[in-house]
């Protein structure tokens, strides 16, 4: 099996330890040293990842074979988990009941906010249990999963302590130098970095992009949102427009903006913050961006229409563009370098476990056939190129030999004519 290039995937809280209770005859998607990676675990984890992408990056899922690629990463992650579970078990790592209870309580805190974005601590247990039921889990089986995850965490912490070296200031300054080169578009330094280490260049580009956002002009707004989709009928779209105008009249009449957010917005995820959001200049849709950065603090916009719906914003706070120097981000960069060291160490450790393990994958993906077909096509094209190259060289060599033979023949004829001429003189 190829070494796993990724160790962690983003996942929902319960997906981290999701999966049904194992049954002897339950189907599997892989085996690790004879132990199955259950199809139910895979399905549960995969569904959670897809839900997260649908919420955060739906455009990614529209790409060809995107879901297959995510599925392959989910499978790698589950295989990695099983490798670590077995390693923790072999290391005889113990987990106390109090540690399991603490882990359960930490997960429960993620259910304090209800489906409408409101704080509801009393309903956390109910929502937690409903989530377990949805994942086909009992509290007992979930505790067992938590126990295994805690054991793995202890195992990884031990590995980090023994293999990861502390971050040195030189590491941080080297990273900052690369980021600064990107920020200032230092062509000479960037070309050198690209030649020496393309990965570090990409790393610096990503950090620089984030810093540009953080240093850019920003505005904090309250946001009321009425959604429009390609499936919205003309009649419903007209109703949304009329509602947006009505909301604006109510706000002009003295209605509290936060109260209007709770009453009208369709952005449920923003309810917990009262609809507040930070806009970075140039990032939001053009219509919203222009209103946000032209209105004064305290002002409320007219209803704004974009491709995704109607928006009404209230300007709450503005921040001018600012410069960010080394001292401003040194601590953040140090944490980033430390995290990268940890990820590298963990990936190497898991790869080492995988190299020694007997891993059999039974799950197939449509993209695999496509990858094989493309590989075969490339191999065929390369073979044809090589054959054409050989044929061209053979033809060139034949032409060279023919030309050489022709020259030799011409030379022989000249020598023969010369000899006849000399004979005639005698």
Protein backbone atom coordinates (compact mmCIF):
# COMPACT_ATOMS: atom_id res chain seq x y z
CA UNK A 1 0.00 0.00 0.00
CA UNK A 2 1.27 3.50 -0.85
CA UNK A 3 2.28 5.72 2.04
CA UNK A 4 -0.53 7.90 3.26
CA UNK A 5 0.09 11.51 2.36
CA UNK A 6 -2.50 12.91 4.76
CA UNK A 7 -3.10 12.07 8.36
CA UNK A 8 -6.03 14.24 9.37
CA UNK A 9 -9.25 15.17 7.56
CA UNK A 10 -11.72 17.82 8.67
CA UNK A 11 -14.75 16.15 10.27
CA UNK A 12 -17.82 16.85 12.30
CA UNK A 13 -17.60 16.32 16.05
CA UNK A 14 -19.27 12.94 16.07
CA UNK A 15 -17.62 11.82 12.85
CA UNK A 16 -14.31 11.73 14.72
CA UNK A 17 -15.51 8.66 16.55
CA UNK A 18 -18.47 7.63 14.41
CA UNK A 19 -19.53 4.16 13.35
CA UNK A 20 -21.90 1.40 14.27
CA UNK A 21 -21.08 -1.42 16.67
CA UNK A 22 -19.03 -4.07 14.93
CA UNK A 23 -20.72 -7.31 13.94
CA UNK A 24 -18.91 -10.46 12.92
CA UNK A 25 -20.62 -10.61 9.53
CA UNK A 26 -20.76 -6.85 8.86
CA UNK A 27 -19.15 -5.83 5.58
CA UNK A 28 -15.83 -4.04 5.61
CA UNK A 29 -14.01 -1.65 3.29
CA UNK A 30 -10.53 -2.81 4.33
CA UNK A 31 -8.67 -4.98 6.81
CA UNK A 32 -5.65 -3.95 8.87
CA UNK A 33 -3.65 -6.88 10.18
CA UNK A 34 -6.80 -8.98 9.85
CA UNK A 35 -9.06 -6.50 11.70
CA UNK A 36 -11.88 -5.01 9.61
CA UNK A 37 -12.51 -1.36 8.90
CA UNK A 38 -16.30 -1.51 8.90
CA UNK A 39 -18.38 -0.20 6.01
CA UNK A 40 -20.75 1.41 8.52
CA UNK A 41 -17.84 3.37 10.02
CA UNK A 42 -16.79 4.45 6.55
CA UNK A 43 -20.32 5.49 5.52
CA UNK A 44 -20.88 7.48 8.71
CA UNK A 45 -17.53 9.28 8.51
CA UNK A 46 -17.89 9.92 4.76
CA UNK A 47 -21.39 11.37 5.12
CA UNK A 48 -20.13 13.74 7.81
CA UNK A 49 -17.27 14.98 5.62
CA UNK A 50 -19.63 15.49 2.66
CA UNK A 51 -22.03 17.47 4.87
CA UNK A 52 -19.17 19.69 5.98
CA UNK A 53 -18.08 20.37 2.40
CA UNK A 54 -21.67 21.06 1.37
CA UNK A 55 -21.82 23.73 4.05
CA UNK A 56 -18.34 25.22 3.64
CA UNK A 57 -17.23 24.52 0.05
CA UNK A 58 -20.09 23.24 -2.13
CA UNK A 59 -18.25 24.30 -5.31
CA UNK A 60 -15.55 21.71 -4.58
CA UNK A 61 -18.10 18.90 -4.72
CA UNK A 62 -19.07 19.94 -8.25
CA UNK A 63 -15.64 19.00 -9.57
CA UNK A 64 -15.28 15.64 -11.39
CA UNK A 65 -14.77 12.74 -8.97
CA UNK A 66 -14.55 15.14 -6.00
CA UNK A 67 -16.61 12.82 -3.79
CA UNK A 68 -14.46 9.85 -4.79
CA UNK A 69 -11.30 11.71 -3.82
CA UNK A 70 -12.84 12.61 -0.45
CA UNK A 71 -13.92 8.99 -0.03
CA UNK A 72 -10.37 7.80 -0.64
CA UNK A 73 -9.07 10.24 1.97
CA UNK A 74 -11.72 9.10 4.46
CA UNK A 75 -10.64 5.50 3.88
CA UNK A 76 -6.99 6.43 4.44
CA UNK A 77 -7.97 8.21 7.64
CA UNK A 78 -9.90 5.21 8.97
CA UNK A 79 -7.02 2.88 8.11
CA UNK A 80 -4.68 5.27 9.94
CA UNK A 81 -6.98 5.22 12.96
CA UNK A 82 -7.04 1.43 13.02
CA UNK A 83 -3.25 1.33 12.79
CA UNK A 84 -3.04 3.72 15.74
CA UNK A 85 -5.68 1.83 17.73
CA UNK A 86 -3.64 -1.33 17.33
CA UNK A 87 -0.39 0.46 18.19
CA UNK A 88 -1.96 1.93 21.35
CA UNK A 89 -3.28 -1.49 22.33
CA UNK A 90 0.14 -3.06 21.75
CA UNK A 91 1.73 -0.32 23.88
CA UNK A 92 -0.76 -1.21 26.66
CA UNK A 93 -1.84 2.41 27.15
CA UNK A 94 -4.46 2.75 29.89
CA UNK A 95 -7.37 5.18 29.96
CA UNK A 96 -9.24 6.08 33.16
CA UNK A 97 -13.03 6.25 33.36
CA UNK A 98 -12.71 9.87 34.47
CA UNK A 99 -10.82 10.68 31.24
CA UNK A 100 -13.61 9.09 29.19
CA UNK A 101 -16.27 11.09 31.08
CA UNK A 102 -14.27 14.27 30.53
CA UNK A 103 -14.10 13.51 26.81
CA UNK A 104 -17.86 12.91 26.66
CA UNK A 105 -18.57 16.16 28.49
CA UNK A 106 -16.31 18.08 26.11
CA UNK A 107 -18.25 16.71 23.13
CA UNK A 108 -21.56 17.59 24.81
CA UNK A 109 -20.54 21.26 25.03
CA UNK A 110 -20.74 21.34 21.24
CA UNK A 111 -24.47 20.72 21.51
CA UNK A 112 -25.26 23.69 23.76
CA UNK A 113 -26.43 25.75 20.76
CA UNK A 114 -29.75 24.54 19.33
CA UNK A 115 -30.70 24.21 15.66
CA UNK A 116 -31.75 27.88 15.60
CA UNK A 117 -28.40 29.10 16.87
CA UNK A 118 -29.63 29.88 20.40
CA UNK A 119 -27.80 28.96 23.59
CA UNK A 120 -29.70 26.09 25.25
CA UNK A 121 -27.50 24.24 27.80
CA UNK A 122 -30.44 22.26 29.19
CA UNK A 123 -31.13 20.72 25.80
CA UNK A 124 -27.51 19.68 25.16
CA UNK A 125 -27.94 16.13 26.49
CA UNK A 126 -31.04 15.58 24.38
CA UNK A 127 -29.35 16.80 21.19
CA UNK A 128 -26.24 14.76 22.00
CA UNK A 129 -28.30 11.57 22.41
CA UNK A 130 -30.22 12.31 19.21
CA UNK A 131 -26.91 12.68 17.38
CA UNK A 132 -25.75 9.31 18.76
CA UNK A 133 -28.97 7.71 17.59
CA UNK A 134 -28.57 9.24 14.15
CA UNK A 135 -25.07 7.72 13.99
CA UNK A 136 -26.47 4.31 15.09
CA UNK A 137 -24.45 4.49 18.31
CA UNK A 138 -25.24 3.64 21.90
CA UNK A 139 -23.62 5.57 24.74
CA UNK A 140 -21.68 2.42 25.65
CA UNK A 141 -20.26 1.96 22.14
CA UNK A 142 -19.49 5.67 21.89
CA UNK A 143 -17.59 5.57 25.18
CA UNK A 144 -15.54 2.71 23.79
CA UNK A 145 -14.70 4.83 20.76
CA UNK A 146 -13.73 7.75 23.01
CA UNK A 147 -11.55 5.42 25.06
CA UNK A 148 -9.68 4.30 21.97
CA UNK A 149 -9.27 7.90 20.76
CA UNK A 150 -7.85 8.99 24.12
CA UNK A 151 -5.42 6.05 24.07
CA UNK A 152 -4.30 7.12 20.59
CA UNK A 153 -3.89 10.71 21.77
CA UNK A 154 -1.61 9.52 24.59
CA UNK A 155 0.35 7.39 22.15
CA UNK A 156 0.82 10.32 19.77
CA UNK A 157 1.85 12.67 22.59
CA UNK A 158 4.53 10.17 23.57
CA UNK A 159 5.73 10.00 19.97
CA UNK A 160 5.86 13.79 19.70
CA UNK A 161 7.88 14.15 22.88
CA UNK A 162 10.43 11.63 21.65
CA UNK A 163 10.75 12.78 18.02
CA UNK A 164 9.76 16.43 17.61
CA UNK A 165 12.39 19.04 18.34
CA UNK A 166 11.37 22.39 19.91
CA UNK A 167 10.80 25.30 17.53
CA UNK A 168 13.81 27.59 17.23
CA UNK A 169 13.62 31.29 16.39
CA UNK A 170 15.71 30.64 13.29
CA UNK A 171 12.90 28.41 11.95
CA UNK A 172 10.35 31.16 12.52
CA UNK A 173 12.50 33.87 10.94
CA UNK A 174 13.17 31.66 7.91
CA UNK A 175 9.44 31.19 7.40
CA UNK A 176 8.81 34.92 7.84
CA UNK A 177 11.50 35.71 5.24
CA UNK A 178 9.69 33.51 2.72
CA UNK A 179 6.33 35.09 3.54
CA UNK A 180 7.83 38.59 3.29
CA UNK A 181 9.27 37.72 -0.13
CA UNK A 182 5.76 36.81 -1.31
CA UNK A 183 4.19 39.92 0.25
CA UNK A 184 6.77 42.20 -1.42
CA UNK A 185 6.85 40.14 -4.64
CA UNK A 186 10.62 39.68 -4.41
CA UNK A 187 11.02 37.91 -7.76
CA UNK A 188 14.64 36.89 -7.23
CA UNK A 189 13.96 35.34 -3.81
CA UNK A 190 10.79 33.63 -5.03
CA UNK A 191 12.52 32.04 -8.03
CA UNK A 192 15.27 30.77 -5.77
CA UNK A 193 12.75 29.34 -3.30
CA UNK A 194 10.75 27.72 -6.09
CA UNK A 195 13.89 26.01 -7.34
CA UNK A 196 15.06 24.91 -3.89
CA UNK A 197 11.76 23.96 -2.24
CA UNK A 198 8.40 24.41 -4.07
CA UNK A 199 6.53 23.17 -0.99
CA UNK A 200 7.92 26.00 1.14
CA UNK A 201 6.99 28.48 -1.59
CA UNK A 202 3.39 27.27 -1.58
CA UNK A 203 3.37 27.41 2.22
CA UNK A 204 4.59 31.03 2.16
CA UNK A 205 2.01 31.96 -0.48
CA UNK A 206 -0.85 30.59 1.63
CA UNK A 207 0.32 32.40 4.78
CA UNK A 208 0.85 35.63 2.82
CA UNK A 209 -2.68 35.42 1.42
CA UNK A 210 -4.03 35.05 4.94
CA UNK A 211 -1.96 37.99 6.19
CA UNK A 212 -3.20 40.18 3.35
CA UNK A 213 -6.74 39.45 4.49
CA UNK A 214 -5.93 40.19 8.12
CA UNK A 215 -4.18 43.45 7.28
CA UNK A 216 -6.77 44.63 4.76
CA UNK A 217 -9.46 47.19 5.47
CA UNK A 218 -12.30 45.51 7.39
CA UNK A 219 -15.78 46.28 8.59
CA UNK A 220 -17.96 44.50 11.17
CA UNK A 221 -21.59 44.40 10.14
CA UNK A 222 -24.90 43.05 11.31
CA UNK A 223 -26.37 40.94 8.51
CA UNK A 224 -29.93 39.98 7.59
CA UNK A 225 -30.08 37.46 4.76
CA UNK A 226 -32.97 36.21 2.61
CA UNK A 227 -31.84 33.37 0.35
CA UNK A 228 -32.45 32.98 -3.38
CA UNK A 229 -31.47 29.83 -5.29
CA UNK A 230 -31.70 28.79 -8.95
CA UNK A 231 -34.81 26.82 -7.95
CA UNK A 232 -36.58 29.81 -6.42
CA UNK A 233 -39.73 30.59 -8.43
CA UNK A 234 -40.41 34.11 -9.73
CA UNK A 235 -43.33 34.36 -7.33
CA UNK A 236 -41.21 33.41 -4.29
CA UNK A 237 -38.39 35.69 -5.46
CA UNK A 238 -40.85 38.59 -5.60
CA UNK A 239 -42.04 37.77 -2.07
CA UNK A 240 -38.43 37.85 -0.84
CA UNK A 241 -37.94 41.25 -2.43
CA UNK A 242 -41.10 42.61 -0.79
CA UNK A 243 -40.05 41.14 2.56
CA UNK A 244 -36.61 42.79 2.29
CA UNK A 245 -38.30 46.16 1.68
CA UNK A 246 -40.65 45.54 4.63
CA UNK A 247 -37.71 44.73 6.94
CA UNK A 248 -35.98 47.96 5.91
CA UNK A 249 -39.15 49.96 6.73
CA UNK A 250 -39.36 48.30 10.15
CA UNK A 251 -35.71 49.13 10.84
CA UNK A 252 -36.26 52.73 9.75
CA UNK A 253 -39.24 52.78 12.09
CA UNK A 254 -37.06 51.96 15.09
CA UNK A 255 -36.93 48.15 15.19
CA UNK A 256 -33.74 46.87 16.87
CA UNK A 257 -31.40 45.37 14.28
CA UNK A 258 -30.52 42.34 16.42
CA UNK A 259 -34.23 41.66 16.92
CA UNK A 260 -34.73 41.86 13.15
CA UNK A 261 -31.89 39.40 12.63
CA UNK A 262 -33.50 36.87 14.98
CA UNK A 263 -36.90 37.36 13.39
CA UNK A 264 -36.03 37.37 9.69
CA UNK A 265 -32.56 36.15 8.73
CA UNK A 266 -32.28 32.80 6.96
CA UNK A 267 -28.61 32.45 7.90
CA UNK A 268 -29.24 30.18 10.90
CA UNK A 269 -25.53 29.69 11.58
CA UNK A 270 -25.17 33.41 12.27
CA UNK A 271 -27.95 33.59 14.87
CA UNK A 272 -25.61 32.84 17.76
CA UNK A 273 -23.61 35.99 16.98
CA UNK A 274 -26.67 38.13 16.35
CA UNK A 275 -25.89 38.16 12.64
CA UNK A 276 -22.52 39.85 13.16
CA UNK A 277 -19.82 39.13 10.60
CA UNK A 278 -16.46 40.57 9.52
CA UNK A 279 -16.15 41.66 5.90
CA UNK A 280 -12.71 42.05 4.31
CA UNK A 281 -12.51 44.56 1.49
CA UNK A 282 -12.75 42.91 -1.89
CA UNK A 283 -13.92 39.51 -0.63
CA UNK A 284 -17.72 39.86 -0.34
CA UNK A 285 -20.00 40.08 -3.41
CA UNK A 286 -19.43 43.41 -5.19
CA UNK A 287 -22.83 44.85 -4.26
CA UNK A 288 -22.38 44.08 -0.55
CA UNK A 289 -18.73 45.14 -0.57
CA UNK A 290 -19.55 48.58 -2.03
CA UNK A 291 -22.28 49.23 0.54
CA UNK A 292 -20.23 47.98 3.50
CA UNK A 293 -17.21 50.16 2.79
CA UNK A 294 -19.08 53.30 1.75
CA UNK A 295 -21.63 53.57 4.58
CA UNK A 296 -20.75 55.25 7.87
CA UNK A 297 -20.70 53.42 11.19
CA UNK A 298 -24.23 53.05 12.57
CA UNK A 299 -25.93 53.28 9.16
CA UNK A 300 -28.21 50.58 7.72
CA UNK A 301 -28.11 49.76 4.02
CA UNK A 302 -30.98 49.55 1.60
CA UNK A 303 -31.88 45.96 0.63
CA UNK A 304 -29.00 44.65 -1.52
CA UNK A 305 -29.59 41.97 -4.15
CA UNK A 306 -26.88 39.51 -5.14
CA UNK A 307 -26.88 36.21 -7.01
CA UNK A 308 -27.53 34.35 -3.76
CA UNK A 309 -30.22 36.52 -2.18
CA UNK A 310 -31.15 39.76 -0.46
CA UNK A 311 -28.98 41.38 2.19
CA UNK A 312 -29.49 44.20 4.68
CA UNK A 313 -26.42 45.23 6.63
CA UNK A 314 -25.75 47.58 9.52
CA UNK A 315 -22.25 49.02 9.84
CA UNK A 316 -21.05 48.41 13.42
CA UNK A 317 -17.30 48.98 13.29
CA UNK A 318 -14.58 49.82 10.76
CA UNK A 319 -10.86 49.13 10.75
CA UNK A 320 -8.37 50.74 8.40
CA UNK A 321 -5.76 48.81 6.45
CA UNK A 322 -2.67 48.17 8.56
CA UNK A 323 0.84 46.80 8.21
CA UNK A 324 1.81 43.54 9.91
CA UNK A 325 5.46 43.06 10.86
CA UNK A 326 7.49 40.18 12.28
CA UNK A 327 6.82 41.06 15.93
CA UNK A 328 3.06 41.06 15.25
CA UNK A 329 2.98 37.48 14.00
CA UNK A 330 6.11 35.82 15.41
CA UNK A 331 4.12 33.88 18.01
CA UNK A 332 1.53 32.73 15.45
CA UNK A 333 4.27 31.65 13.06
CA UNK A 334 6.00 29.74 15.87
CA UNK A 335 2.75 27.89 16.61
CA UNK A 336 2.37 27.15 12.90
CA UNK A 337 5.91 25.76 12.65
CA UNK A 338 5.32 23.64 15.77
CA UNK A 339 2.09 22.27 14.30
CA UNK A 340 3.82 21.43 11.02
CA UNK A 341 6.55 19.58 12.91
CA UNK A 342 3.89 17.61 14.79
CA UNK A 343 1.96 16.77 11.61
CA UNK A 344 5.14 15.64 9.86
CA UNK A 345 6.14 13.44 12.81
CA UNK A 346 2.69 11.88 13.06
CA UNK A 347 2.52 11.25 9.32
CA UNK A 348 5.92 9.57 9.39
CA UNK A 349 4.87 7.46 12.36
CA UNK A 350 1.65 6.33 10.69
CA UNK A 351 3.50 5.65 7.44
CA UNK A 352 5.93 3.48 9.41
CA UNK A 353 3.03 1.52 10.88
CA UNK A 354 1.47 1.14 7.43
CA UNK A 355 4.72 -0.14 5.90
CA UNK A 356 4.86 -2.95 8.49
CA UNK A 357 1.13 -3.77 8.42
CA UNK A 358 -0.88 -6.18 6.32
CA UNK A 359 -3.44 -3.85 4.75
CA UNK A 360 -6.02 -5.08 2.27
CA UNK A 361 -8.46 -2.58 0.70
CA UNK A 362 -11.73 -3.95 -0.68
CA UNK A 363 -13.49 -0.63 -1.27
CA UNK A 364 -13.38 0.49 -4.92
CA UNK A 365 -13.92 3.93 -6.38
CA UNK A 366 -15.02 4.97 -9.83
CA UNK A 367 -12.12 7.39 -10.04
CA UNK A 368 -9.66 4.47 -9.74
CA UNK A 369 -10.77 3.14 -13.13
CA UNK A 370 -10.42 6.64 -14.57
CA UNK A 371 -6.94 7.04 -13.09
CA UNK A 372 -5.91 3.63 -14.48
CA UNK A 373 -7.36 4.52 -17.90
CA UNK A 374 -5.49 7.84 -17.95
CA UNK A 375 -2.30 6.11 -16.84
CA UNK A 376 -2.71 3.52 -19.61
CA UNK A 377 -3.38 6.31 -22.11
CA UNK A 378 -0.28 8.20 -21.01
CA UNK A 379 1.78 4.98 -21.20
CA UNK A 380 0.45 4.35 -24.70
CA UNK A 381 1.24 7.90 -25.78
CA UNK A 382 4.74 7.64 -24.32
CA UNK A 383 5.28 4.30 -26.07
CA UNK A 384 4.12 5.82 -29.37
CA UNK A 385 6.42 8.82 -28.87
CA UNK A 386 9.32 6.49 -28.15
CA UNK A 387 8.51 4.35 -31.19
CA UNK A 388 8.25 7.45 -33.40
CA UNK A 389 11.54 8.69 -31.97
CA UNK A 390 13.26 5.37 -32.72
CA UNK A 391 11.75 5.27 -36.21
CA UNK A 392 12.87 8.84 -36.84
CA UNK A 393 16.38 8.06 -35.64
CA UNK A 394 16.45 4.87 -37.78
CA UNK A 395 15.30 6.86 -40.78
CA UNK A 396 17.91 9.52 -40.10
CA UNK A 397 20.61 6.86 -39.73
CA UNK A 398 19.50 5.14 -42.94
CA UNK A 399 19.60 8.45 -44.80
CA UNK A 400 23.05 9.11 -43.37
CA UNK A 401 24.29 5.67 -44.46
CA UNK A 402 22.75 6.12 -47.91
CA UNK A 403 24.39 9.52 -48.28
CA UNK A 404 27.71 8.07 -47.12
CA UNK A 405 27.42 5.23 -49.61
CA UNK A 406 26.57 7.69 -52.38
CA UNK A 407 29.63 9.79 -51.57
CA UNK A 408 31.82 6.67 -51.57
CA UNK A 409 30.40 5.66 -54.96
CA UNK A 410 31.00 9.13 -56.38
CA UNK A 411 34.56 9.06 -55.05
CA UNK A 412 35.17 5.66 -56.62
CA UNK A 413 33.82 6.87 -59.96
CA UNK A 414 36.09 9.92 -59.86
CA UNK A 415 39.12 7.79 -59.05
CA UNK A 416 38.21 5.40 -61.87
CA UNK A 417 37.84 8.27 -64.36
CA UNK A 418 41.15 9.72 -63.22
CA UNK A 419 42.84 6.36 -63.71
CA UNK A 420 41.44 6.01 -67.24
CA UNK A 421 42.59 9.53 -68.10
CA UNK A 422 46.13 8.83 -66.86
CA UNK A 423 46.17 5.53 -68.82
CA UNK A 424 45.20 7.31 -72.02
CA UNK A 425 48.11 9.77 -71.63
CA UNK A 426 50.60 6.90 -71.44
